Amino acid sequence: GTLPVPSTSADAAEIEPLMTAADVGHVLQLPRKRVYEVLGHLAIQIAPHTLRWRHADILALIDERRRDR
């Protein structure tokens, strides 16, 4: 029989590199503290007191900001 082909979209989310608050702050030109305040709701908690952000979420945010101008 044929082997099922694994769906790549589900795996992509897992493999996607997560960004630290420092990374996000660098991209958005925000201090780290502001990143937690403003974007905390978007964060993924990977361990106690350890938050990471998905690249796609941050890119979407940048897009929104550009449109608002």
PDB file of N, CA and C in Angstrom:
ATOM      1  N   GLY A   1       0.818  -1.206   0.000  1.00  0.00           N
ATOM      2  CA  GLY A   1       0.000   0.000   0.000  1.00  0.00           C
ATOM      3  C   GLY A   1       0.853   1.258   0.000  1.00  0.00           C
ATOM      4  N   THR A   2       0.224   2.389  -0.250  1.00  0.00           N
ATOM      5  CA  THR A   2       0.975   3.644  -0.266  1.00  0.00           C
ATOM      6  C   THR A   2       1.030   4.229   1.136  1.00  0.00           C
ATOM      7  N   LEU A   3       2.145   4.855   1.430  1.00  0.00           N
ATOM      8  CA  LEU A   3       2.292   5.491   2.733  1.00  0.00           C
ATOM      9  C   LEU A   3       1.566   6.827   2.728  1.00  0.00           C
ATOM     10  N   PRO A   4       0.905   7.155   3.821  1.00  0.00           N
ATOM     11  CA  PRO A   4       0.262   8.473   3.870  1.00  0.00           C
ATOM     12  C   PRO A   4       1.316   9.572   3.859  1.00  0.00           C
ATOM     13  N   VAL A   5       1.053  10.602   3.108  1.00  0.00           N
ATOM     14  CA  VAL A   5       1.986  11.721   3.057  1.00  0.00           C
ATOM     15  C   VAL A   5       1.681  12.641   4.241  1.00  0.00           C
ATOM     16  N   PRO A   6       2.664  12.889   5.091  1.00  0.00           N
ATOM     17  CA  PRO A   6       2.383  13.772   6.234  1.00  0.00           C
ATOM     18  C   PRO A   6       2.066  15.181   5.759  1.00  0.00           C
ATOM     19  N   SER A   7       1.099  15.798   6.385  1.00  0.00           N
ATOM     20  CA  SER A   7       0.758  17.165   5.986  1.00  0.00           C
ATOM     21  C   SER A   7       1.842  18.103   6.486  1.00  0.00           C
ATOM     22  N   THR A   8       2.335  18.944   5.612  1.00  0.00           N
ATOM     23  CA  THR A   8       3.450  19.812   5.976  1.00  0.00           C
ATOM     24  C   THR A   8       2.977  21.021   6.771  1.00  0.00           C
ATOM     25  N   SER A   9       1.741  21.440   6.560  1.00  0.00           N
ATOM     26  CA  SER A   9       1.290  22.668   7.212  1.00  0.00           C
ATOM     27  C   SER A   9       1.257  22.521   8.734  1.00  0.00           C
ATOM     28  N   ALA A  10       0.815  21.373   9.216  1.00  0.00           N
ATOM     29  CA  ALA A  10       0.760  21.165  10.662  1.00  0.00           C
ATOM     30  C   ALA A  10       2.170  21.166  11.247  1.00  0.00           C
ATOM     31  N   ASP A  11       3.096  20.549  10.530  1.00  0.00           N
ATOM     32  CA  ASP A  11       4.471  20.473  11.018  1.00  0.00           C
ATOM     33  C   ASP A  11       5.172  21.820  10.956  1.00  0.00           C
ATOM     34  N   ALA A  12       4.814  22.617   9.990  1.00  0.00           N
ATOM     35  CA  ALA A  12       5.496  23.899   9.799  1.00  0.00           C
ATOM     36  C   ALA A  12       5.389  24.765  11.053  1.00  0.00           C
ATOM     37  N   ALA A  13       4.233  24.727  11.691  1.00  0.00           N
ATOM     38  CA  ALA A  13       4.038  25.539  12.892  1.00  0.00           C
ATOM     39  C   ALA A  13       4.994  25.094  13.996  1.00  0.00           C
ATOM     40  N   GLU A  14       5.244  23.784  14.055  1.00  0.00           N
ATOM     41  CA  GLU A  14       6.128  23.252  15.084  1.00  0.00           C
ATOM     42  C   GLU A  14       7.576  23.659  14.825  1.00  0.00           C
ATOM     43  N   ILE A  15       7.958  23.609  13.561  1.00  0.00           N
ATOM     44  CA  ILE A  15       9.353  23.861  13.190  1.00  0.00           C
ATOM     45  C   ILE A  15       9.664  25.355  13.189  1.00  0.00           C
ATOM     46  N   GLU A  16       8.645  26.141  12.951  1.00  0.00           N
ATOM     47  CA  GLU A  16       8.825  27.585  12.835  1.00  0.00           C
ATOM     48  C   GLU A  16       9.630  28.128  14.012  1.00  0.00           C
ATOM     49  N   PRO A  17      10.690  28.872  13.731  1.00  0.00           N
ATOM     50  CA  PRO A  17      11.494  29.389  14.836  1.00  0.00           C
ATOM     51  C   PRO A  17      10.708  30.421  15.631  1.00  0.00           C
ATOM     52  N   LEU A  18      10.741  30.272  16.936  1.00  0.00           N
ATOM     53  CA  LEU A  18      10.052  31.231  17.790  1.00  0.00           C
ATOM     54  C   LEU A  18      11.002  32.357  18.153  1.00  0.00           C
ATOM     55  N   MET A  19      10.437  33.519  18.378  1.00  0.00           N
ATOM     56  CA  MET A  19      11.242  34.705  18.655  1.00  0.00           C
ATOM     57  C   MET A  19      11.201  35.034  20.139  1.00  0.00           C
ATOM     58  N   THR A  20      12.318  35.470  20.665  1.00  0.00           N
ATOM     59  CA  THR A  20      12.363  35.932  22.047  1.00  0.00           C
ATOM     60  C   THR A  20      11.864  37.368  22.110  1.00  0.00           C
ATOM     61  N   ALA A  21      11.639  37.849  23.320  1.00  0.00           N
ATOM     62  CA  ALA A  21      11.223  39.243  23.493  1.00  0.00           C
ATOM     63  C   ALA A  21      12.277  40.184  22.919  1.00  0.00           C
ATOM     64  N   ALA A  22      13.539  39.804  23.064  1.00  0.00           N
ATOM     65  CA  ALA A  22      14.619  40.632  22.520  1.00  0.00           C
ATOM     66  C   ALA A  22      14.530  40.698  20.996  1.00  0.00           C
ATOM     67  N   ASP A  23      14.263  39.538  20.376  1.00  0.00           N
ATOM     68  CA  ASP A  23      14.114  39.490  18.913  1.00  0.00           C
ATOM     69  C   ASP A  23      12.975  40.396  18.464  1.00  0.00           C
ATOM     70  N   VAL A  24      11.842  40.227  19.132  1.00  0.00           N
ATOM     71  CA  VAL A  24      10.654  40.997  18.774  1.00  0.00           C
ATOM     72  C   VAL A  24      10.908  42.492  18.973  1.00  0.00           C
ATOM     73  N   GLY A  25      11.533  42.824  20.088  1.00  0.00           N
ATOM     74  CA  GLY A  25      11.834  44.219  20.376  1.00  0.00           C
ATOM     75  C   GLY A  25      12.733  44.830  19.324  1.00  0.00           C
ATOM     76  N   HIS A  26      13.678  44.018  18.857  1.00  0.00           N
ATOM     77  CA  HIS A  26      14.600  44.489  17.828  1.00  0.00           C
ATOM     78  C   HIS A  26      13.843  44.797  16.535  1.00  0.00           C
ATOM     79  N   VAL A  27      12.974  43.869  16.153  1.00  0.00           N
ATOM     80  CA  VAL A  27      12.221  44.023  14.909  1.00  0.00           C
ATOM     81  C   VAL A  27      11.250  45.206  14.983  1.00  0.00           C
ATOM     82  N   LEU A  28      10.569  45.329  16.111  1.00  0.00           N
ATOM     83  CA  LEU A  28       9.551  46.372  16.250  1.00  0.00           C
ATOM     84  C   LEU A  28      10.099  47.656  16.863  1.00  0.00           C
ATOM     85  N   GLN A  29      11.376  47.631  17.207  1.00  0.00           N
ATOM     86  CA  GLN A  29      12.019  48.790  17.829  1.00  0.00           C
ATOM     87  C   GLN A  29      11.294  49.190  19.113  1.00  0.00           C
ATOM     88  N   LEU A  30      11.109  48.196  19.964  1.00  0.00           N
ATOM     89  CA  LEU A  30      10.493  48.401  21.272  1.00  0.00           C
ATOM     90  C   LEU A  30      11.428  47.858  22.342  1.00  0.00           C
ATOM     91  N   PRO A  31      11.424  48.479  23.519  1.00  0.00           N
ATOM     92  CA  PRO A  31      12.169  47.869  24.624  1.00  0.00           C
ATOM     93  C   PRO A  31      11.510  46.551  25.032  1.00  0.00           C
ATOM     94  N   ARG A  32      12.307  45.634  25.570  1.00  0.00           N
ATOM     95  CA  ARG A  32      11.781  44.313  25.918  1.00  0.00           C
ATOM     96  C   ARG A  32      10.567  44.386  26.831  1.00  0.00           C
ATOM     97  N   LYS A  33      10.609  45.300  27.780  1.00  0.00           N
ATOM     98  CA  LYS A  33       9.496  45.425  28.723  1.00  0.00           C
ATOM     99  C   LYS A  33       8.193  45.744  27.991  1.00  0.00           C
ATOM    100  N   ARG A  34       8.286  46.605  26.981  1.00  0.00           N
ATOM    101  CA  ARG A  34       7.102  46.965  26.197  1.00  0.00           C
ATOM    102  C   ARG A  34       6.586  45.770  25.404  1.00  0.00           C
ATOM    103  N   VAL A  35       7.519  44.939  24.947  1.00  0.00           N
ATOM    104  CA  VAL A  35       7.110  43.748  24.195  1.00  0.00           C
ATOM    105  C   VAL A  35       6.186  42.897  25.061  1.00  0.00           C
ATOM    106  N   TYR A  36       6.585  42.671  26.317  1.00  0.00           N
ATOM    107  CA  TYR A  36       5.744  41.880  27.221  1.00  0.00           C
ATOM    108  C   TYR A  36       4.399  42.556  27.464  1.00  0.00           C
ATOM    109  N   GLU A  37       4.412  43.879  27.632  1.00  0.00           N
ATOM    110  CA  GLU A  37       3.175  44.615  27.906  1.00  0.00           C
ATOM    111  C   GLU A  37       2.238  44.601  26.706  1.00  0.00           C
ATOM    112  N   VAL A  38       2.798  44.915  25.539  1.00  0.00           N
ATOM    113  CA  VAL A  38       1.966  45.121  24.355  1.00  0.00           C
ATOM    114  C   VAL A  38       1.611  43.805  23.667  1.00  0.00           C
ATOM    115  N   LEU A  39       2.548  42.862  23.667  1.00  0.00           N
ATOM    116  CA  LEU A  39       2.361  41.646  22.878  1.00  0.00           C
ATOM    117  C   LEU A  39       2.254  40.386  23.719  1.00  0.00           C
ATOM    118  N   GLY A  40       2.108  40.552  25.020  1.00  0.00           N
ATOM    119  CA  GLY A  40       2.008  39.386  25.895  1.00  0.00           C
ATOM    120  C   GLY A  40       0.901  38.426  25.491  1.00  0.00           C
ATOM    121  N   HIS A  41      -0.208  38.984  25.019  1.00  0.00           N
ATOM    122  CA  HIS A  41      -1.357  38.151  24.650  1.00  0.00           C
ATOM    123  C   HIS A  41      -1.074  37.259  23.444  1.00  0.00           C
ATOM    124  N   LEU A  42      -0.072  37.620  22.642  1.00  0.00           N
ATOM    125  CA  LEU A  42       0.268  36.818  21.460  1.00  0.00           C
ATOM    126  C   LEU A  42       1.304  35.748  21.769  1.00  0.00           C
ATOM    127  N   ALA A  43       1.902  35.842  22.950  1.00  0.00           N
ATOM    128  CA  ALA A  43       3.039  34.981  23.252  1.00  0.00           C
ATOM    129  C   ALA A  43       2.618  33.539  23.496  1.00  0.00           C
ATOM    130  N   ILE A  44       3.558  32.645  23.248  1.00  0.00           N
ATOM    131  CA  ILE A  44       3.398  31.232  23.553  1.00  0.00           C
ATOM    132  C   ILE A  44       4.299  30.955  24.746  1.00  0.00           C
ATOM    133  N   GLN A  45       3.745  30.355  25.788  1.00  0.00           N
ATOM    134  CA  GLN A  45       4.573  30.035  26.951  1.00  0.00           C
ATOM    135  C   GLN A  45       5.200  28.668  26.741  1.00  0.00           C
ATOM    136  N   ILE A  46       6.527  28.624  26.596  1.00  0.00           N
ATOM    137  CA  ILE A  46       7.200  27.353  26.352  1.00  0.00           C
ATOM    138  C   ILE A  46       7.743  26.745  27.637  1.00  0.00           C
ATOM    139  N   ALA A  47       7.807  27.540  28.690  1.00  0.00           N
ATOM    140  CA  ALA A  47       8.240  27.077  30.007  1.00  0.00           C
ATOM    141  C   ALA A  47       7.793  28.134  31.007  1.00  0.00           C
ATOM    142  N   PRO A  48       7.816  27.798  32.300  1.00  0.00           N
ATOM    143  CA  PRO A  48       7.441  28.841  33.261  1.00  0.00           C
ATOM    144  C   PRO A  48       8.296  30.085  33.067  1.00  0.00           C
ATOM    145  N   HIS A  49       7.659  31.229  33.003  1.00  0.00           N
ATOM    146  CA  HIS A  49       8.355  32.523  32.854  1.00  0.00           C
ATOM    147  C   HIS A  49       9.133  32.633  31.549  1.00  0.00           C
ATOM    148  N   THR A  50       8.813  31.784  30.583  1.00  0.00           N
ATOM    149  CA  THR A  50       9.515  31.855  29.300  1.00  0.00           C
ATOM    150  C   THR A  50       8.500  31.993  28.179  1.00  0.00           C
ATOM    151  N   LEU A  51       8.473  33.162  27.587  1.00  0.00           N
ATOM    152  CA  LEU A  51       7.533  33.421  26.503  1.00  0.00           C
ATOM    153  C   LEU A  51       8.275  33.536  25.183  1.00  0.00           C
ATOM    154  N   ARG A  52       7.637  33.049  24.136  1.00  0.00           N
ATOM    155  CA  ARG A  52       8.183  33.179  22.790  1.00  0.00           C
ATOM    156  C   ARG A  52       7.054  33.631  21.875  1.00  0.00           C
ATOM    157  N   TRP A  53       7.445  34.227  20.762  1.00  0.00           N
ATOM    158  CA  TRP A  53       6.449  34.707  19.802  1.00  0.00           C
ATOM    159  C   TRP A  53       6.650  34.019  18.464  1.00  0.00           C
ATOM    160  N   ARG A  54       5.533  33.794  17.759  1.00  0.00           N
ATOM    161  CA  ARG A  54       5.620  33.212  16.425  1.00  0.00           C
ATOM    162  C   ARG A  54       5.974  34.305  15.433  1.00  0.00           C
ATOM    163  N   HIS A  55       6.889  33.959  14.531  1.00  0.00           N
ATOM    164  CA  HIS A  55       7.342  34.904  13.514  1.00  0.00           C
ATOM    165  C   HIS A  55       6.154  35.446  12.716  1.00  0.00           C
ATOM    166  N   ALA A  56       5.244  34.548  12.363  1.00  0.00           N
ATOM    167  CA  ALA A  56       4.097  34.934  11.531  1.00  0.00           C
ATOM    168  C   ALA A  56       3.237  35.982  12.235  1.00  0.00           C
ATOM    169  N   ASP A  57       3.072  35.822  13.555  1.00  0.00           N
ATOM    170  CA  ASP A  57       2.265  36.789  14.308  1.00  0.00           C
ATOM    171  C   ASP A  57       2.903  38.169  14.277  1.00  0.00           C
ATOM    172  N   ILE A  58       4.222  38.203  14.420  1.00  0.00           N
ATOM    173  CA  ILE A  58       4.929  39.481  14.437  1.00  0.00           C
ATOM    174  C   ILE A  58       4.878  40.132  13.055  1.00  0.00           C
ATOM    175  N   LEU A  59       5.046  39.306  12.018  1.00  0.00           N
ATOM    176  CA  LEU A  59       4.977  39.841  10.653  1.00  0.00           C
ATOM    177  C   LEU A  59       3.595  40.428  10.376  1.00  0.00           C
ATOM    178  N   ALA A  60       2.560  39.739  10.842  1.00  0.00           N
ATOM    179  CA  ALA A  60       1.193  40.224  10.641  1.00  0.00           C
ATOM    180  C   ALA A  60       1.008  41.569  11.334  1.00  0.00           C
ATOM    181  N   LEU A  61       1.601  41.674  12.510  1.00  0.00           N
ATOM    182  CA  LEU A  61       1.515  42.909  13.286  1.00  0.00           C
ATOM    183  C   LEU A  61       2.171  44.065  12.548  1.00  0.00           C
ATOM    184  N   ILE A  62       3.339  43.797  11.971  1.00  0.00           N
ATOM    185  CA  ILE A  62       4.068  44.824  11.223  1.00  0.00           C
ATOM    186  C   ILE A  62       3.223  45.274  10.033  1.00  0.00           C
ATOM    187  N   ASP A  63       2.583  44.302   9.371  1.00  0.00           N
ATOM    188  CA  ASP A  63       1.705  44.618   8.246  1.00  0.00           C
ATOM    189  C   ASP A  63       0.589  45.559   8.676  1.00  0.00           C
ATOM    190  N   GLU A  64      -0.048  45.249   9.803  1.00  0.00           N
ATOM    191  CA  GLU A  64      -1.143  46.082  10.298  1.00  0.00           C
ATOM    192  C   GLU A  64      -0.670  47.499  10.560  1.00  0.00           C
ATOM    193  N   ARG A  65       0.483  47.605  11.192  1.00  0.00           N
ATOM    194  CA  ARG A  65       1.030  48.927  11.500  1.00  0.00           C
ATOM    195  C   ARG A  65       1.252  49.732  10.230  1.00  0.00           C
ATOM    196  N   ARG A  66       1.761  49.069   9.198  1.00  0.00           N
ATOM    197  CA  ARG A  66       2.025  49.765   7.936  1.00  0.00           C
ATOM    198  C   ARG A  66       0.733  50.279   7.339  1.00  0.00           C
ATOM    199  N   ARG A  67      -0.324  49.455   7.409  1.00  0.00           N
ATOM    200  CA  ARG A  67      -1.603  49.856   6.828  1.00  0.00           C
ATOM    201  C   ARG A  67      -2.216  51.024   7.586  1.00  0.00           C
ATOM    202  N   ASP A  68      -1.955  51.090   8.891  1.00  0.00           N
ATOM    203  CA  ASP A  68      -2.553  52.153   9.706  1.00  0.00           C
ATOM    204  C   ASP A  68      -1.999  53.527   9.367  1.00  0.00           C
ATOM    205  N   ARG A  69      -0.766  53.556   8.882  1.00  0.00           N
ATOM    206  CA  ARG A  69      -0.132  54.851   8.626  1.00  0.00           C
ATOM    207  C   ARG A  69      -0.816  55.621   7.511  1.00  0.00           C
TER     208      ARG A  69
END
